[in-house]
Amino acid sequence: MRATILAIALLAFALPAGAQDGKKLPPGYILFPNAQGKNVPIKDAKNYAQCTRNGKILGYSVSDTATYCSAHYPR
């Protein structure tokens, strides 16, 4: 249940984040909320491995990261 809520919250924050911030990001980067809720620029994940790396960098737990990445990047 917690992981599902996290996944929904991540999507809710990630999708409009680029539109809310007037800064230009380098190509291939998106704004995504870290575990503390602050939007930070990070490379857009293209596969499961990159997603798990991003989750670690952003400070999410291994279980939350695995749940989110499994839902968005099936192996």
N, C-alpha and C. Protein backbone atom coordinates (compact mmCIF):
# COMPACT_ATOMS: atom_id res chain seq x y z
N MET A 1 0.83 -1.19 0.00
CA MET A 1 0.00 0.00 0.00
C MET A 1 0.87 1.26 0.00
N ARG A 2 1.90 1.27 0.85
CA ARG A 2 2.78 2.43 0.94
C ARG A 2 3.50 2.68 -0.39
N ALA A 3 3.93 1.60 -1.02
CA ALA A 3 4.64 1.73 -2.29
C ALA A 3 3.72 2.25 -3.39
N THR A 4 2.47 1.83 -3.36
CA THR A 4 1.51 2.30 -4.36
C THR A 4 1.28 3.79 -4.20
N ILE A 5 1.12 4.22 -2.97
CA ILE A 5 0.93 5.66 -2.72
C ILE A 5 2.17 6.43 -3.15
N LEU A 6 3.34 5.88 -2.87
CA LEU A 6 4.59 6.53 -3.28
C LEU A 6 4.65 6.67 -4.79
N ALA A 7 4.30 5.61 -5.51
CA ALA A 7 4.35 5.64 -6.97
C ALA A 7 3.40 6.69 -7.52
N ILE A 8 2.20 6.76 -6.97
CA ILE A 8 1.24 7.76 -7.42
C ILE A 8 1.75 9.17 -7.12
N ALA A 9 2.30 9.34 -5.93
CA ALA A 9 2.83 10.66 -5.56
C ALA A 9 4.01 11.05 -6.46
N LEU A 10 4.87 10.11 -6.76
CA LEU A 10 6.01 10.41 -7.63
C LEU A 10 5.54 10.86 -9.00
N LEU A 11 4.58 10.16 -9.54
CA LEU A 11 4.06 10.55 -10.85
C LEU A 11 3.37 11.90 -10.79
N ALA A 12 2.61 12.14 -9.76
CA ALA A 12 1.89 13.40 -9.63
C ALA A 12 2.86 14.59 -9.55
N PHE A 13 3.98 14.39 -8.88
CA PHE A 13 4.95 15.47 -8.77
C PHE A 13 5.86 15.56 -9.99
N ALA A 14 6.18 14.46 -10.60
CA ALA A 14 7.16 14.45 -11.69
C ALA A 14 6.60 15.03 -12.98
N LEU A 15 5.37 14.71 -13.30
CA LEU A 15 4.82 15.15 -14.57
C LEU A 15 4.70 16.67 -14.68
N PRO A 16 4.13 17.36 -13.71
CA PRO A 16 4.02 18.81 -13.87
C PRO A 16 5.26 19.58 -13.42
N ALA A 17 6.24 18.91 -12.88
CA ALA A 17 7.40 19.60 -12.31
C ALA A 17 8.13 20.44 -13.34
N GLY A 18 8.29 19.93 -14.54
CA GLY A 18 8.98 20.68 -15.58
C GLY A 18 8.23 21.93 -15.97
N ALA A 19 6.91 21.89 -15.95
CA ALA A 19 6.12 23.04 -16.32
C ALA A 19 6.11 24.11 -15.22
N GLN A 20 6.29 23.70 -13.97
CA GLN A 20 6.23 24.64 -12.86
C GLN A 20 7.52 25.43 -12.71
N ASP A 21 8.61 24.87 -13.12
CA ASP A 21 9.90 25.52 -12.93
C ASP A 21 10.30 26.17 -14.24
N GLY A 22 10.64 27.45 -14.19
CA GLY A 22 11.00 28.18 -15.40
C GLY A 22 12.41 27.89 -15.90
N LYS A 23 13.21 27.14 -15.13
CA LYS A 23 14.58 26.85 -15.53
C LYS A 23 14.62 25.84 -16.66
N LYS A 24 15.59 26.02 -17.54
CA LYS A 24 15.82 25.04 -18.61
C LYS A 24 16.75 23.96 -18.07
N LEU A 25 16.40 22.73 -18.36
CA LEU A 25 17.22 21.60 -17.93
C LEU A 25 18.04 21.09 -19.11
N PRO A 26 19.18 20.49 -18.83
CA PRO A 26 19.95 19.89 -19.92
C PRO A 26 19.13 18.79 -20.60
N PRO A 27 19.42 18.52 -21.86
CA PRO A 27 18.69 17.45 -22.54
C PRO A 27 18.84 16.12 -21.80
N GLY A 28 17.73 15.40 -21.68
CA GLY A 28 17.75 14.11 -21.01
C GLY A 28 17.52 14.17 -19.51
N TYR A 29 17.34 15.37 -18.96
CA TYR A 29 17.11 15.54 -17.52
C TYR A 29 15.66 15.94 -17.27
N ILE A 30 15.14 15.52 -16.13
CA ILE A 30 13.81 15.89 -15.67
C ILE A 30 13.90 16.34 -14.22
N LEU A 31 12.89 17.05 -13.76
CA LEU A 31 12.80 17.37 -12.34
C LEU A 31 11.98 16.27 -11.69
N PHE A 32 12.49 15.75 -10.59
CA PHE A 32 11.81 14.65 -9.90
C PHE A 32 11.97 14.87 -8.41
N PRO A 33 10.95 14.60 -7.61
CA PRO A 33 11.07 14.83 -6.18
C PRO A 33 11.98 13.80 -5.50
N ASN A 34 12.87 14.28 -4.65
CA ASN A 34 13.69 13.35 -3.87
C ASN A 34 12.90 12.90 -2.65
N ALA A 35 13.50 12.10 -1.81
CA ALA A 35 12.80 11.54 -0.64
C ALA A 35 12.36 12.63 0.34
N GLN A 36 12.98 13.79 0.29
CA GLN A 36 12.60 14.90 1.18
C GLN A 36 11.53 15.79 0.55
N GLY A 37 11.14 15.50 -0.70
CA GLY A 37 10.08 16.25 -1.37
C GLY A 37 10.55 17.41 -2.21
N LYS A 38 11.85 17.63 -2.31
CA LYS A 38 12.38 18.73 -3.11
C LYS A 38 12.61 18.26 -4.54
N ASN A 39 12.14 19.02 -5.53
CA ASN A 39 12.37 18.66 -6.92
C ASN A 39 13.83 18.90 -7.29
N VAL A 40 14.46 17.87 -7.81
CA VAL A 40 15.87 17.96 -8.21
C VAL A 40 16.02 17.45 -9.64
N PRO A 41 16.96 18.01 -10.40
CA PRO A 41 17.18 17.50 -11.75
C PRO A 41 17.90 16.15 -11.71
N ILE A 42 17.43 15.24 -12.53
CA ILE A 42 18.03 13.91 -12.60
C ILE A 42 17.84 13.37 -14.01
N LYS A 43 18.78 12.54 -14.46
CA LYS A 43 18.66 11.96 -15.80
C LYS A 43 17.41 11.09 -15.87
N ASP A 44 16.68 11.22 -16.96
CA ASP A 44 15.46 10.45 -17.17
C ASP A 44 15.83 8.98 -17.37
N ALA A 45 15.22 8.10 -16.59
CA ALA A 45 15.51 6.67 -16.68
C ALA A 45 14.87 6.08 -17.93
N LYS A 46 15.60 5.24 -18.62
CA LYS A 46 15.11 4.57 -19.82
C LYS A 46 14.88 3.08 -19.59
N ASN A 47 15.36 2.55 -18.45
CA ASN A 47 15.19 1.13 -18.16
C ASN A 47 15.22 0.91 -16.65
N TYR A 48 15.02 -0.35 -16.25
CA TYR A 48 14.93 -0.70 -14.83
C TYR A 48 16.22 -0.36 -14.08
N ALA A 49 17.36 -0.66 -14.66
CA ALA A 49 18.63 -0.40 -13.98
C ALA A 49 18.83 1.09 -13.71
N GLN A 50 18.53 1.92 -14.69
CA GLN A 50 18.66 3.36 -14.50
C GLN A 50 17.66 3.87 -13.47
N CYS A 51 16.47 3.30 -13.47
CA CYS A 51 15.44 3.68 -12.49
C CYS A 51 15.90 3.38 -11.07
N THR A 52 16.46 2.20 -10.85
CA THR A 52 16.92 1.85 -9.51
C THR A 52 18.09 2.74 -9.08
N ARG A 53 18.95 3.09 -10.02
CA ARG A 53 20.06 4.01 -9.71
C ARG A 53 19.50 5.37 -9.31
N ASN A 54 18.51 5.85 -10.04
CA ASN A 54 17.90 7.14 -9.70
C ASN A 54 17.25 7.09 -8.32
N GLY A 55 16.56 5.99 -8.02
CA GLY A 55 15.92 5.86 -6.71
C GLY A 55 16.94 5.94 -5.58
N LYS A 56 18.09 5.31 -5.79
CA LYS A 56 19.15 5.35 -4.77
C LYS A 56 19.69 6.78 -4.62
N ILE A 57 19.93 7.44 -5.74
CA ILE A 57 20.45 8.80 -5.72
C ILE A 57 19.46 9.75 -5.03
N LEU A 58 18.16 9.53 -5.28
CA LEU A 58 17.13 10.40 -4.72
C LEU A 58 16.84 10.12 -3.25
N GLY A 59 17.36 9.02 -2.71
CA GLY A 59 17.22 8.73 -1.29
C GLY A 59 16.03 7.88 -0.92
N TYR A 60 15.42 7.20 -1.90
CA TYR A 60 14.29 6.32 -1.59
C TYR A 60 14.79 4.97 -1.11
N SER A 61 13.96 4.29 -0.34
CA SER A 61 14.33 2.96 0.16
C SER A 61 14.41 1.97 -1.00
N VAL A 62 15.13 0.89 -0.78
CA VAL A 62 15.29 -0.13 -1.81
C VAL A 62 13.93 -0.73 -2.18
N SER A 63 13.09 -1.00 -1.18
CA SER A 63 11.79 -1.61 -1.47
C SER A 63 10.87 -0.66 -2.24
N ASP A 64 10.85 0.62 -1.87
CA ASP A 64 10.03 1.58 -2.59
C ASP A 64 10.53 1.76 -4.02
N THR A 65 11.84 1.83 -4.18
CA THR A 65 12.42 1.98 -5.50
C THR A 65 12.11 0.77 -6.37
N ALA A 66 12.28 -0.44 -5.83
CA ALA A 66 12.01 -1.66 -6.60
C ALA A 66 10.54 -1.73 -7.03
N THR A 67 9.64 -1.36 -6.13
CA THR A 67 8.21 -1.39 -6.45
C THR A 67 7.89 -0.41 -7.58
N TYR A 68 8.39 0.81 -7.46
CA TYR A 68 8.14 1.84 -8.47
C TYR A 68 8.75 1.42 -9.82
N CYS A 69 9.99 0.99 -9.80
CA CYS A 69 10.67 0.64 -11.05
C CYS A 69 10.05 -0.60 -11.71
N SER A 70 9.61 -1.55 -10.91
CA SER A 70 8.96 -2.75 -11.47
C SER A 70 7.67 -2.38 -12.18
N ALA A 71 6.95 -1.42 -11.63
CA ALA A 71 5.68 -0.99 -12.24
C ALA A 71 5.89 -0.21 -13.53
N HIS A 72 6.98 0.54 -13.62
CA HIS A 72 7.20 1.41 -14.77
C HIS A 72 8.18 0.85 -15.80
N TYR A 73 9.01 -0.07 -15.39
CA TYR A 73 10.02 -0.67 -16.28
C TYR A 73 10.06 -2.18 -16.08
N PRO A 74 9.02 -2.88 -16.56
CA PRO A 74 9.00 -4.34 -16.35
C PRO A 74 10.22 -5.00 -16.99
N ARG A 75 10.74 -5.98 -16.32
CA ARG A 75 11.94 -6.67 -16.83
C ARG A 75 11.55 -7.72 -17.83
